[in-house]
Amino acid sequence: MDYFLRRWSDADKKQAVVEELAKVGVFFDLLAKEVGRDCDPFDLICHIVWDVPPLTRRERVREVKKRDYFTKYGEPARKVLEALLQKYIEELMAAIENR
């Protein structure tokens, strides 16, 4: 799992993993429905491979906000980060990463 976590942070590698799994019939939207939670590919992989309880996008954002991570940034940056988190919740992160 440590190896996977280190490698996952690169957006190009994330997309490669998603594409490779799709070639063998693993589709994350269908997996999310099967699991019954609105999870992103990272949480689904961790859940299926290592039995880690999956977090929904909303739960993951709530965890980030609980850590008060954004307080070190100025107001304009915090607004951008908040907007990105909202987009992530709305499942648009894949579109953002692919640009």
C-alpha atoms as a PDB file:
ATOM      1  CA  MET A   1       0.000   0.000   0.000  1.00  0.00           C
ATOM      2  CA  ASP A   2       2.874   2.413   0.762  1.00  0.00           C
ATOM      3  CA  TYR A   3       4.225   1.952  -2.762  1.00  0.00           C
ATOM      4  CA  PHE A   4       0.787   2.634  -4.215  1.00  0.00           C
ATOM      5  CA  LEU A   5       0.327   5.757  -2.088  1.00  0.00           C
ATOM      6  CA  ARG A   6       3.673   7.196  -3.203  1.00  0.00           C
ATOM      7  CA  ARG A   7       2.922   6.541  -6.860  1.00  0.00           C
ATOM      8  CA  TRP A   8      -0.702   7.703  -6.826  1.00  0.00           C
ATOM      9  CA  SER A   9       0.169  11.359  -6.203  1.00  0.00           C
ATOM     10  CA  ASP A  10       1.245  11.866  -9.827  1.00  0.00           C
ATOM     11  CA  ALA A  11      -1.858  12.796 -11.880  1.00  0.00           C
ATOM     12  CA  ASP A  12      -0.454  11.152 -15.023  1.00  0.00           C
ATOM     13  CA  LYS A  13      -0.003   7.892 -13.150  1.00  0.00           C
ATOM     14  CA  LYS A  14      -3.536   8.102 -11.748  1.00  0.00           C
ATOM     15  CA  GLN A  15      -4.953   8.364 -15.228  1.00  0.00           C
ATOM     16  CA  ALA A  16      -2.732   5.510 -16.428  1.00  0.00           C
ATOM     17  CA  VAL A  17      -4.006   3.279 -13.617  1.00  0.00           C
ATOM     18  CA  VAL A  18      -7.619   4.160 -14.418  1.00  0.00           C
ATOM     19  CA  GLU A  19      -7.066   3.492 -18.136  1.00  0.00           C
ATOM     20  CA  GLU A  20      -5.246   0.202 -17.580  1.00  0.00           C
ATOM     21  CA  LEU A  21      -7.960  -1.068 -15.273  1.00  0.00           C
ATOM     22  CA  ALA A  22     -10.638  -0.014 -17.764  1.00  0.00           C
ATOM     23  CA  LYS A  23      -8.892  -2.158 -20.412  1.00  0.00           C
ATOM     24  CA  VAL A  24      -9.494  -5.221 -18.254  1.00  0.00           C
ATOM     25  CA  GLY A  25     -13.094  -4.300 -17.449  1.00  0.00           C
ATOM     26  CA  VAL A  26     -12.701  -2.386 -14.177  1.00  0.00           C
ATOM     27  CA  PHE A  27     -14.796   0.780 -14.327  1.00  0.00           C
ATOM     28  CA  PHE A  28     -14.759   3.061 -11.316  1.00  0.00           C
ATOM     29  CA  ASP A  29     -18.245   4.461 -11.797  1.00  0.00           C
ATOM     30  CA  LEU A  30     -19.647   0.926 -11.693  1.00  0.00           C
ATOM     31  CA  LEU A  31     -17.444   0.012  -8.724  1.00  0.00           C
ATOM     32  CA  ALA A  32     -18.717   3.049  -6.817  1.00  0.00           C
ATOM     33  CA  LYS A  33     -22.291   1.904  -7.455  1.00  0.00           C
ATOM     34  CA  GLU A  34     -21.393  -1.614  -6.338  1.00  0.00           C
ATOM     35  CA  VAL A  35     -19.808  -0.322  -3.134  1.00  0.00           C
ATOM     36  CA  GLY A  36     -22.803   1.987  -2.695  1.00  0.00           C
ATOM     37  CA  ARG A  37     -20.781   5.115  -2.024  1.00  0.00           C
ATOM     38  CA  ASP A  38     -19.748   8.166  -4.048  1.00  0.00           C
ATOM     39  CA  CYS A  39     -16.017   7.417  -3.889  1.00  0.00           C
ATOM     40  CA  ASP A  40     -13.203   8.399  -6.168  1.00  0.00           C
ATOM     41  CA  PRO A  41     -10.863   5.811  -7.720  1.00  0.00           C
ATOM     42  CA  PHE A  42      -8.286   6.187  -4.924  1.00  0.00           C
ATOM     43  CA  ASP A  43     -10.762   5.210  -2.211  1.00  0.00           C
ATOM     44  CA  LEU A  44     -12.193   2.390  -4.298  1.00  0.00           C
ATOM     45  CA  ILE A  45      -8.750   0.889  -4.945  1.00  0.00           C
ATOM     46  CA  CYS A  46      -7.783   1.121  -1.270  1.00  0.00           C
ATOM     47  CA  HIS A  47     -11.110  -0.399  -0.247  1.00  0.00           C
ATOM     48  CA  ILE A  48     -11.030  -3.309  -2.672  1.00  0.00           C
ATOM     49  CA  VAL A  49      -7.325  -4.148  -2.440  1.00  0.00           C
ATOM     50  CA  TRP A  50      -6.560  -3.373   1.227  1.00  0.00           C
ATOM     51  CA  ASP A  51     -10.051  -3.394   2.791  1.00  0.00           C
ATOM     52  CA  VAL A  52      -9.725   0.248   3.876  1.00  0.00           C
ATOM     53  CA  PRO A  53     -13.160   1.759   4.586  1.00  0.00           C
ATOM     54  CA  PRO A  54     -13.912   4.048   1.629  1.00  0.00           C
ATOM     55  CA  LEU A  55     -14.602   7.727   2.158  1.00  0.00           C
ATOM     56  CA  THR A  56     -17.059   9.532  -0.041  1.00  0.00           C
ATOM     57  CA  ARG A  57     -15.871  12.699  -1.721  1.00  0.00           C
ATOM     58  CA  ARG A  58     -17.864  14.731   0.785  1.00  0.00           C
ATOM     59  CA  GLU A  59     -16.297  12.856   3.730  1.00  0.00           C
ATOM     60  CA  ARG A  60     -12.798  13.341   2.316  1.00  0.00           C
ATOM     61  CA  VAL A  61     -13.390  17.100   1.956  1.00  0.00           C
ATOM     62  CA  ARG A  62     -14.764  17.251   5.494  1.00  0.00           C
ATOM     63  CA  GLU A  63     -11.562  15.575   6.759  1.00  0.00           C
ATOM     64  CA  VAL A  64      -9.412  18.118   4.917  1.00  0.00           C
ATOM     65  CA  LYS A  65     -11.412  20.999   6.369  1.00  0.00           C
ATOM     66  CA  LYS A  66     -11.216  19.530   9.894  1.00  0.00           C
ATOM     67  CA  ARG A  67      -7.425  19.680   9.756  1.00  0.00           C
ATOM     68  CA  ASP A  68      -7.678  23.437   9.192  1.00  0.00           C
ATOM     69  CA  TYR A  69      -5.050  23.045   6.501  1.00  0.00           C
ATOM     70  CA  PHE A  70      -6.052  26.148   4.544  1.00  0.00           C
ATOM     71  CA  THR A  71      -5.432  28.642   7.343  1.00  0.00           C
ATOM     72  CA  LYS A  72      -1.810  29.014   6.233  1.00  0.00           C
ATOM     73  CA  TYR A  73      -2.966  30.541   2.939  1.00  0.00           C
ATOM     74  CA  GLY A  74      -4.317  34.021   2.258  1.00  0.00           C
ATOM     75  CA  GLU A  75      -7.983  34.688   1.608  1.00  0.00           C
ATOM     76  CA  PRO A  76      -7.779  34.572  -2.234  1.00  0.00           C
ATOM     77  CA  ALA A  77      -5.968  31.211  -2.148  1.00  0.00           C
ATOM     78  CA  ARG A  78      -8.443  29.803   0.390  1.00  0.00           C
ATOM     79  CA  LYS A  79     -11.341  30.760  -1.869  1.00  0.00           C
ATOM     80  CA  VAL A  80      -9.733  28.951  -4.811  1.00  0.00           C
ATOM     81  CA  LEU A  81      -9.027  25.884  -2.664  1.00  0.00           C
ATOM     82  CA  GLU A  82     -12.608  25.864  -1.363  1.00  0.00           C
ATOM     83  CA  ALA A  83     -13.898  26.054  -4.940  1.00  0.00           C
ATOM     84  CA  LEU A  84     -11.664  23.136  -5.961  1.00  0.00           C
ATOM     85  CA  LEU A  85     -12.922  21.072  -3.047  1.00  0.00           C
ATOM     86  CA  GLN A  86     -16.487  21.767  -4.091  1.00  0.00           C
ATOM     87  CA  LYS A  87     -15.676  20.698  -7.656  1.00  0.00           C
ATOM     88  CA  TYR A  88     -14.100  17.528  -6.268  1.00  0.00           C
ATOM     89  CA  ILE A  89     -17.301  16.771  -4.386  1.00  0.00           C
ATOM     90  CA  GLU A  90     -19.194  17.261  -7.624  1.00  0.00           C
ATOM     91  CA  GLU A  91     -16.958  14.673  -9.332  1.00  0.00           C
ATOM     92  CA  LEU A  92     -15.335  17.157 -11.671  1.00  0.00           C
ATOM     93  CA  MET A  93     -11.818  16.523 -10.394  1.00  0.00           C
ATOM     94  CA  ALA A  94     -11.120  14.070 -13.203  1.00  0.00           C
ATOM     95  CA  ALA A  95     -11.930  16.769 -15.733  1.00  0.00           C
ATOM     96  CA  ILE A  96      -9.638  19.214 -13.926  1.00  0.00           C
ATOM     97  CA  GLU A  97      -6.763  16.689 -13.759  1.00  0.00           C
ATOM     98  CA  ASN A  98      -7.048  15.857 -17.460  1.00  0.00           C
ATOM     99  CA  ARG A  99      -6.568  19.469 -18.575  1.00  0.00           C
END
